[in-house]
Amino acid sequence: MIALLDTSHDLDNASSELGVAVEQLLTPLTRYRRQKPDAMFAIDNGAFSGFDERSFLSLLNRESADQKMCRFVVVPDIVGSARRTLEVFEFWRYRLAGWPLALALQDGQENLDIPWTGVSAVFVGGTTNWKLSKAAADCIKTACAVGKWVHAGRVNTPARFEYFESLGVSSIDGTGLSRYTWMREKIFKQFSEPGLFA
C-alpha cells in the first residue's frame, strides 16, 4: 500500500515519516505542482469540499501531457449518494477520455452495478459509517478480485490505516497525513512499536 498525498511537504521526507512509499495526489483545491515530474501521481476532483468544474478542468489541462504517469483521476461525484454519483460518472466519463478513471464509491454502492469496464480504479469515499461498513469492504474485495486499483480516502488514524491495509487497498490519502508530520509519525510508530496504541 502506498500513500497519495496532496502536500507541499517533501515526498521523500513524508515517506520516511509514514513508513510507506508516497506519491503525489493533485487536487483543484491546492493546485500544487508535481514535485517529481517523472513519478506517478493521481488527481482527485475536490468534491468532498465542493466541486469546482473550472478548477478541475484547468488542473487536468495542466497535467494532460503526462496522462500516462497518472494512476487515476477521480470522476466528479456526489458525496454520500452512489446513485447520483453513477449518473454524474456517466456524464463525465466521455469528457475525460484518455485519462484512467476512478469511480468514487458512495453510500448505497453495494446495491448498484459498478461499471468495471469503464474504470481503472475505485476511490472509497462516502460517509464515515459507510466507508467502514461491510458493504464498502465487499466493494473493495470485488475491485481487488477484478484487478482494479483501490484507493481509500480520509485515512488519518492508525486504526483506519491498519483497517484499509488489511483489506488490500492499493493506496490511501488523508488531509491530516498530507498536512501534519506528527500524524504520519503516529502511524509509523503504531506499526514499528506494536501494541503502543492498543
Protein backbone atom coordinates (compact mmCIF):
# COMPACT_ATOMS: atom_id res chain seq x y z
CA MET A 1 0.00 0.00 0.00
CA ILE A 2 1.20 3.49 -0.82
CA ALA A 3 0.09 6.93 0.32
CA LEU A 4 -1.03 9.57 -2.17
CA LEU A 5 -0.65 12.97 -0.54
CA ASP A 6 -1.85 16.42 -1.57
CA THR A 7 1.07 18.18 0.04
CA SER A 8 3.79 20.75 -0.31
CA HIS A 9 5.95 18.70 2.10
CA ASP A 10 8.88 16.84 0.59
CA LEU A 11 7.55 13.47 -0.61
CA ASP A 12 10.68 11.57 0.40
CA ASN A 13 10.52 13.00 3.93
CA ALA A 14 6.81 12.17 4.12
CA SER A 15 7.60 8.61 3.04
CA SER A 16 10.21 8.26 5.81
CA GLU A 17 7.81 9.67 8.39
CA LEU A 18 4.95 7.38 7.35
CA GLY A 19 6.96 4.25 6.61
CA VAL A 20 5.42 3.60 3.17
CA ALA A 21 6.05 4.86 -0.36
CA VAL A 22 4.47 8.26 -1.03
CA GLU A 23 3.32 9.69 -4.35
CA GLN A 24 1.55 12.94 -5.07
CA LEU A 25 -2.21 13.46 -5.17
CA LEU A 26 -3.10 16.59 -7.09
CA THR A 27 -6.34 18.41 -6.32
CA PRO A 28 -8.08 21.52 -7.65
CA LEU A 29 -8.21 22.73 -4.03
CA THR A 30 -4.48 23.30 -3.57
CA ARG A 31 -3.20 23.08 -7.17
CA TYR A 32 0.30 22.10 -6.01
CA ARG A 33 2.82 21.47 -8.75
CA ARG A 34 4.22 17.99 -9.10
CA GLN A 35 7.43 17.61 -7.10
CA LYS A 36 8.74 14.74 -9.20
CA PRO A 37 7.94 15.14 -12.90
CA ASP A 38 8.96 11.53 -13.66
CA ALA A 39 6.95 9.94 -10.82
CA MET A 40 3.44 8.51 -10.87
CA PHE A 41 0.64 10.69 -9.48
CA ALA A 42 -3.16 10.79 -9.18
CA ILE A 43 -5.80 13.51 -9.41
CA ASP A 44 -8.77 13.98 -7.07
CA ASN A 45 -11.75 16.14 -8.03
CA GLY A 46 -12.18 18.04 -4.74
CA ALA A 47 -15.90 17.13 -4.45
CA PHE A 48 -15.69 16.38 -0.73
CA SER A 49 -15.02 20.09 -0.11
CA GLY A 50 -17.12 21.31 -3.05
CA PHE A 51 -16.62 20.53 -6.72
CA ASP A 52 -15.35 23.40 -8.89
CA GLU A 53 -15.59 22.36 -12.54
CA ARG A 54 -13.40 25.14 -13.88
CA SER A 55 -10.58 24.47 -11.46
CA PHE A 56 -10.81 20.70 -12.01
CA LEU A 57 -10.62 21.04 -15.80
CA SER A 58 -7.79 23.55 -15.51
CA LEU A 59 -5.79 21.06 -13.42
CA LEU A 60 -6.41 18.28 -15.95
CA ASN A 61 -5.34 20.57 -18.78
CA ARG A 62 -2.15 21.49 -16.90
CA GLU A 63 -1.23 17.80 -16.45
CA SER A 64 -2.52 16.49 -19.80
CA ALA A 65 0.93 15.91 -21.29
CA ASP A 66 1.62 13.33 -18.58
CA GLN A 67 -1.60 11.27 -18.66
CA LYS A 68 0.46 8.06 -18.87
CA MET A 69 2.02 8.86 -15.47
CA CYS A 70 -1.39 9.27 -13.83
CA ARG A 71 -2.68 6.33 -11.77
CA PHE A 72 -6.25 7.64 -11.83
CA VAL A 73 -8.49 10.70 -12.00
CA VAL A 74 -11.46 10.66 -9.63
CA VAL A 75 -14.51 11.41 -11.76
CA PRO A 76 -16.77 14.06 -10.20
CA ASP A 77 -19.11 12.56 -7.60
CA ILE A 78 -21.94 13.33 -5.21
CA VAL A 79 -20.75 12.71 -1.66
CA GLY A 80 -22.94 10.17 0.14
CA SER A 81 -25.01 9.07 -2.89
CA ALA A 82 -23.91 6.19 -5.10
CA ARG A 83 -26.92 6.51 -7.41
CA ARG A 84 -26.32 10.20 -8.12
CA THR A 85 -22.57 9.57 -8.43
CA LEU A 86 -23.18 6.95 -11.12
CA GLU A 87 -25.30 9.47 -13.05
CA VAL A 88 -22.53 12.05 -12.82
CA PHE A 89 -19.97 9.40 -13.80
CA GLU A 90 -21.89 8.60 -17.00
CA PHE A 91 -21.93 12.30 -17.90
CA TRP A 92 -18.23 12.90 -17.21
CA ARG A 93 -16.60 9.67 -18.39
CA TYR A 94 -16.65 10.77 -22.04
CA ARG A 95 -15.37 14.25 -21.25
CA LEU A 96 -12.39 12.63 -19.52
CA ALA A 97 -11.48 10.24 -22.34
CA GLY A 98 -7.80 9.32 -22.33
CA TRP A 99 -7.44 9.54 -18.56
CA PRO A 100 -7.50 6.46 -16.29
CA LEU A 101 -10.81 6.93 -14.47
CA ALA A 102 -11.72 6.20 -10.86
CA LEU A 103 -15.32 5.86 -9.72
CA ALA A 104 -15.91 7.29 -6.24
CA LEU A 105 -17.78 4.63 -4.26
CA GLN A 106 -20.51 6.19 -2.14
CA ASP A 107 -23.24 5.12 0.28
CA GLY A 108 -25.54 2.60 -1.42
CA GLN A 109 -22.98 1.35 -3.95
CA GLU A 110 -23.49 -2.21 -2.72
CA ASN A 111 -26.97 -2.17 -4.31
CA LEU A 112 -25.84 -0.81 -7.68
CA ASP A 113 -23.67 -2.06 -10.52
CA ILE A 114 -20.13 -0.75 -10.83
CA PRO A 115 -19.11 -0.05 -14.46
CA TRP A 116 -15.96 -2.20 -14.24
CA THR A 117 -15.07 -1.92 -17.93
CA GLY A 118 -15.15 1.88 -17.71
CA VAL A 119 -12.84 2.33 -14.72
CA SER A 120 -9.18 1.79 -13.92
CA ALA A 121 -9.74 2.36 -10.21
CA VAL A 122 -12.26 2.87 -7.45
CA PHE A 123 -11.98 5.55 -4.79
CA VAL A 124 -13.58 4.59 -1.47
CA GLY A 125 -15.47 7.71 -0.46
CA GLY A 126 -18.83 8.07 1.21
CA THR A 127 -19.79 8.89 4.77
CA THR A 128 -17.57 7.56 7.53
CA ASN A 129 -20.14 4.96 8.59
CA TRP A 130 -20.45 3.60 5.06
CA LYS A 131 -16.71 3.73 4.37
CA LEU A 132 -16.11 1.46 7.37
CA SER A 133 -19.07 -0.84 6.66
CA LYS A 134 -19.16 -4.45 5.46
CA ALA A 135 -20.84 -3.15 2.28
CA ALA A 136 -17.82 -0.98 1.47
CA ALA A 137 -15.44 -3.82 2.37
CA ASP A 138 -17.31 -6.08 -0.08
CA CYS A 139 -16.95 -3.45 -2.82
CA ILE A 140 -13.21 -3.26 -2.07
CA LYS A 141 -12.86 -7.05 -2.22
CA THR A 142 -14.70 -7.14 -5.54
CA ALA A 143 -12.49 -4.40 -7.00
CA CYS A 144 -9.39 -6.31 -5.91
CA ALA A 145 -10.79 -9.53 -7.41
CA VAL A 146 -11.28 -7.88 -10.81
CA GLY A 147 -7.82 -6.30 -10.74
CA LYS A 148 -8.68 -2.64 -10.21
CA TRP A 149 -6.60 -0.11 -8.28
CA VAL A 150 -8.36 0.60 -4.96
CA HIS A 151 -7.85 3.92 -3.19
CA ALA A 152 -9.31 4.83 0.21
CA GLY A 153 -9.80 8.48 1.10
CA ARG A 154 -9.75 10.14 4.54
CA VAL A 155 -7.36 7.71 6.22
CA ASN A 156 -5.84 9.77 9.03
CA THR A 157 -5.56 7.43 12.02
CA PRO A 158 -3.52 4.31 12.78
CA ALA A 159 -6.75 2.29 13.09
CA ARG A 160 -8.02 3.31 9.65
CA PHE A 161 -4.58 2.82 8.12
CA GLU A 162 -4.44 -0.72 9.52
CA TYR A 163 -8.04 -1.46 8.50
CA PHE A 164 -7.62 -0.47 4.87
CA GLU A 165 -4.23 -2.14 4.64
CA SER A 166 -5.88 -5.36 5.88
CA LEU A 167 -8.45 -5.11 3.06
CA GLY A 168 -5.67 -4.91 0.48
CA VAL A 169 -6.24 -1.40 -0.83
CA SER A 170 -3.61 -0.10 -3.24
CA SER A 171 -3.35 3.42 -1.83
CA ILE A 172 -4.73 5.81 0.77
CA ASP A 173 -4.86 9.54 1.37
CA GLY A 174 -5.80 11.84 4.19
CA THR A 175 -5.82 15.59 4.71
CA GLY A 176 -4.13 15.15 8.07
CA LEU A 177 -1.47 12.89 6.57
CA SER A 178 -0.85 15.49 3.89
CA ARG A 179 -0.52 18.37 6.32
CA TYR A 180 0.98 17.08 9.54
CA THR A 181 4.27 15.37 10.20
CA TRP A 182 3.02 14.22 13.63
CA MET A 183 0.14 12.30 12.05
CA ARG A 184 2.45 10.48 9.65
CA GLU A 185 4.85 9.70 12.50
CA LYS A 186 2.00 8.45 14.71
CA ILE A 187 1.01 5.87 12.09
CA PHE A 188 4.63 4.82 11.59
CA LYS A 189 5.09 4.48 15.34
CA GLN A 190 1.96 2.31 15.62
CA PHE A 191 3.50 -0.27 13.31
CA SER A 192 7.10 -0.03 14.46
CA GLU A 193 6.05 -0.44 18.10
CA PRO A 194 3.17 -2.98 18.11
CA GLY A 195 0.68 -2.57 20.94
CA LEU A 196 1.56 1.09 21.50
CA PHE A 197 -1.98 2.27 20.75
CA ALA A 198 -3.83 -0.94 21.72
